[in-house]
Protein backbone atom coordinates (compact mmCIF):
# COMPACT_ATOMS: atom_id res chain seq x y z
CA UNK A 1 -17.82 -2.17 198.17
CA UNK A 2 -14.75 -0.53 200.19
CA UNK A 3 -11.70 -1.76 198.70
CA UNK A 4 -8.53 -2.30 200.72
CA UNK A 5 -5.97 0.12 199.97
CA UNK A 6 -3.27 -1.71 199.80
CA UNK A 7 -4.59 -3.19 197.13
CA UNK A 8 -5.31 -0.35 194.81
CA UNK A 9 -4.31 -0.20 191.23
CA UNK A 10 -0.69 0.76 190.48
CA UNK A 11 0.15 3.90 188.81
CA UNK A 12 2.58 2.88 186.33
CA UNK A 13 4.95 5.60 187.16
CA UNK A 14 7.76 3.95 189.36
CA UNK A 15 6.87 0.32 189.37
CA UNK A 16 8.02 -2.91 188.28
CA UNK A 17 6.58 -5.36 185.17
CA UNK A 18 5.44 -7.56 188.36
CA UNK A 19 3.53 -4.66 189.60
CA UNK A 20 2.30 -3.61 186.14
CA UNK A 21 1.19 -6.84 185.52
CA UNK A 22 -0.32 -7.45 188.42
CA UNK A 23 -2.70 -4.39 188.17
CA UNK A 24 -3.69 -5.39 184.36
CA UNK A 25 -5.44 -8.46 186.33
CA UNK A 26 -5.97 -6.82 189.55
CA UNK A 27 -3.87 -9.64 191.33
CA UNK A 28 -1.61 -8.96 194.61
CA UNK A 29 1.89 -8.79 193.78
CA UNK A 30 4.66 -11.47 195.63
CA UNK A 31 5.64 -8.41 197.52
CA UNK A 32 2.09 -7.48 198.29
CA UNK A 33 1.48 -10.67 199.50
CA UNK A 34 4.78 -10.94 201.41
CA UNK A 35 3.97 -7.63 203.25
CA UNK A 36 0.42 -8.77 204.13
CA UNK A 37 2.01 -11.95 205.83
CA UNK A 38 4.71 -10.44 207.44
CA UNK A 39 1.97 -7.53 208.92
CA UNK A 40 -0.18 -10.63 210.06
CA UNK A 41 2.14 -12.64 211.59
CA UNK A 42 4.11 -9.70 213.61
CA UNK A 43 2.07 -11.18 217.10
CA UNK A 44 3.06 -15.16 216.22
CA UNK A 45 6.59 -13.55 215.20
CA UNK A 46 7.17 -12.39 218.51
CA UNK A 47 5.65 -15.47 220.20
CA UNK A 48 8.36 -17.19 218.36
CA UNK A 49 11.36 -15.34 217.38
CA UNK A 50 13.36 -16.63 214.85
CA UNK A 51 16.99 -16.07 213.61
CA UNK A 52 17.37 -12.89 211.34
CA UNK A 53 20.47 -13.50 210.08
CA UNK A 54 20.71 -16.07 207.49
CA UNK A 55 22.43 -19.42 208.03
CA UNK A 56 26.17 -19.24 208.07
CA UNK A 57 27.49 -20.16 204.46
CA UNK A 58 30.35 -22.87 204.68
CA UNK A 59 33.93 -21.96 204.21
CA UNK A 60 34.70 -23.49 200.77
CA UNK A 61 38.29 -22.21 199.89
CA UNK A 62 39.67 -25.56 201.20
CA UNK A 63 37.59 -27.54 198.75
CA UNK A 64 38.32 -25.26 196.07
CA UNK A 65 41.89 -25.20 196.41
CA UNK A 66 42.03 -28.78 196.18
CA UNK A 67 39.33 -28.80 193.34
CA UNK A 68 41.62 -26.51 191.73
CA UNK A 69 45.36 -28.25 192.09
CA UNK A 70 43.17 -31.85 191.85
CA UNK A 71 45.10 -33.37 188.33
CA UNK A 72 42.32 -36.98 187.97
CA UNK A 73 39.22 -37.54 188.27
CA UNK A 74 40.13 -39.75 191.62
CA UNK A 75 41.56 -36.21 192.90
CA UNK A 76 38.31 -34.84 191.66
CA UNK A 77 36.21 -37.82 192.90
CA UNK A 78 37.96 -37.43 196.63
CA UNK A 79 37.25 -33.15 196.74
CA UNK A 80 33.81 -33.62 195.47
CA UNK A 81 32.43 -36.70 197.89
CA UNK A 82 34.24 -34.79 200.62
CA UNK A 83 32.18 -31.19 199.99
CA UNK A 84 29.15 -33.29 199.50
CA UNK A 85 29.29 -35.33 202.50
CA UNK A 86 29.66 -31.80 204.57
CA UNK A 87 26.58 -30.11 202.71
CA UNK A 88 24.28 -33.20 203.19
CA UNK A 89 23.41 -32.79 207.01
CA UNK A 90 22.03 -29.33 205.75
CA UNK A 91 20.22 -30.23 203.25
CA UNK A 92 18.69 -32.73 204.71
CA UNK A 93 17.63 -30.35 207.46
CA UNK A 94 15.83 -28.22 204.73
CA UNK A 95 14.49 -31.65 203.03
CA UNK A 96 12.85 -32.29 206.45
CA UNK A 97 11.91 -28.43 207.10
CA UNK A 98 10.02 -28.46 203.61
CA UNK A 99 8.16 -31.96 204.24
CA UNK A 100 6.65 -30.73 207.85
CA UNK A 101 5.47 -27.52 205.64
CA UNK A 102 4.07 -29.68 203.40
CA UNK A 103 1.96 -31.83 205.52
CA UNK A 104 1.05 -28.57 208.07
CA UNK A 105 -2.25 -29.33 208.42
CA UNK A 106 -2.29 -32.51 206.88
CA UNK A 107 -2.74 -30.44 203.32
CA UNK A 108 -0.92 -32.72 201.56
CA UNK A 109 -3.18 -35.39 201.47
CA UNK A 110 -4.25 -35.68 197.87
CA UNK A 111 -2.78 -32.40 197.21
CA UNK A 112 -3.24 -31.62 193.33
CA UNK A 113 -0.66 -30.73 191.32
CA UNK A 114 0.91 -27.10 191.67
CA UNK A 115 -0.62 -26.78 195.23
CA UNK A 116 1.92 -25.69 197.84
CA UNK A 117 1.90 -28.87 199.43
CA UNK A 118 2.68 -30.47 196.29
CA UNK A 119 5.23 -27.80 195.32
CA UNK A 120 7.31 -27.86 198.79
CA UNK A 121 7.16 -32.04 198.97
CA UNK A 122 9.27 -31.39 195.05
CA UNK A 123 11.47 -28.71 196.61
CA UNK A 124 12.07 -30.99 199.61
CA UNK A 125 12.94 -33.93 197.04
CA UNK A 126 14.75 -31.25 194.90
CA UNK A 127 17.23 -30.28 198.19
CA UNK A 128 17.84 -34.10 198.41
CA UNK A 129 18.17 -34.37 194.34
CA UNK A 130 21.33 -32.10 193.76
CA UNK A 131 23.48 -34.35 196.21
CA UNK A 132 22.37 -37.46 194.32
CA UNK A 133 23.02 -36.09 190.76
CA UNK A 134 26.32 -34.79 192.14
CA UNK A 135 27.35 -38.43 193.41
CA UNK A 136 26.38 -39.82 189.73
CA UNK A 137 28.10 -37.28 187.82
CA UNK A 138 31.21 -38.48 189.92
CA UNK A 139 30.37 -42.01 189.20
CA UNK A 140 30.49 -41.15 185.16
CA UNK A 141 33.65 -39.55 185.84
CA UNK A 142 35.16 -42.43 187.13
CA UNK A 143 33.90 -44.76 184.97
CA UNK A 144 34.91 -42.83 182.31
CA UNK A 145 38.17 -43.44 183.64
CA UNK A 146 38.61 -46.53 185.33
CA UNK A 147 35.76 -48.13 183.10
CA UNK A 148 35.34 -46.99 179.74
CA UNK A 149 33.05 -48.83 177.61
CA UNK A 150 35.38 -51.19 174.89
CA UNK A 151 36.33 -49.51 171.77
CA UNK A 152 35.18 -51.19 168.25
CA UNK A 153 37.74 -53.49 167.53
CA UNK A 154 39.59 -53.51 163.70
CA UNK A 155 38.57 -57.24 162.61
CA UNK A 156 35.07 -55.99 163.52
CA UNK A 157 35.18 -53.05 161.24
CA UNK A 158 36.62 -54.93 158.36
CA UNK A 159 33.95 -57.51 158.62
CA UNK A 160 31.29 -55.35 157.47
CA UNK A 161 33.05 -53.61 155.04
CA UNK A 162 30.51 -51.25 152.39
CA UNK A 163 27.88 -52.28 153.86
CA UNK A 164 28.40 -50.65 157.51
CA UNK A 165 26.29 -47.71 156.49
CA UNK A 166 23.37 -50.28 155.01
CA UNK A 167 20.71 -50.95 157.31
CA UNK A 168 20.65 -54.69 157.94
CA UNK A 169 18.34 -56.78 155.03
CA UNK A 170 14.45 -57.34 156.64
CA UNK A 171 14.29 -61.00 157.80
CA UNK A 172 12.80 -63.45 155.45
CA UNK A 173 8.99 -64.49 156.39
CA UNK A 174 8.74 -66.99 153.35
CA UNK A 175 6.57 -66.27 150.39
CA UNK A 176 4.08 -63.28 150.29
CA UNK A 177 0.41 -63.72 151.45
CA UNK A 178 -2.03 -64.87 148.01
CA UNK A 179 -4.18 -62.74 146.83
């Protein structure tokens, strides 16, 4: 049976760990898969040109300067809320694209855990989870500053006395069973 010369077993000299591992199990590497897909998608890419440059990175300098100057939890929260609000449209757009990719040809229907569709849906969710986690961290910081848990009172400690380290006595259930 003729083999694809692009898929020949690798000689380990000059190869990375991924290539050596792939050769051991006669699998394609990530690089192989991406190269083959890029080759096969050339006519499509010609018909649907996409930008070659990544999205421009936002200038975080004003946020980082404000963060460095912040002295209170309220000030840190103000900066963090502002940067989260600024990042939300890009993260939402990314999440929307990942959901659309997961639903491609309705592959998401009954998608098994670990399938491409399931992984894309998970990635879409996690893109937005970053915002939720950062918001929760900010709220926890504000709660610690403005609404801390009450400290135990001295009278409660004194009333417990020496029994504070002992567990409570079991409830009495009456006389034990007769045998």
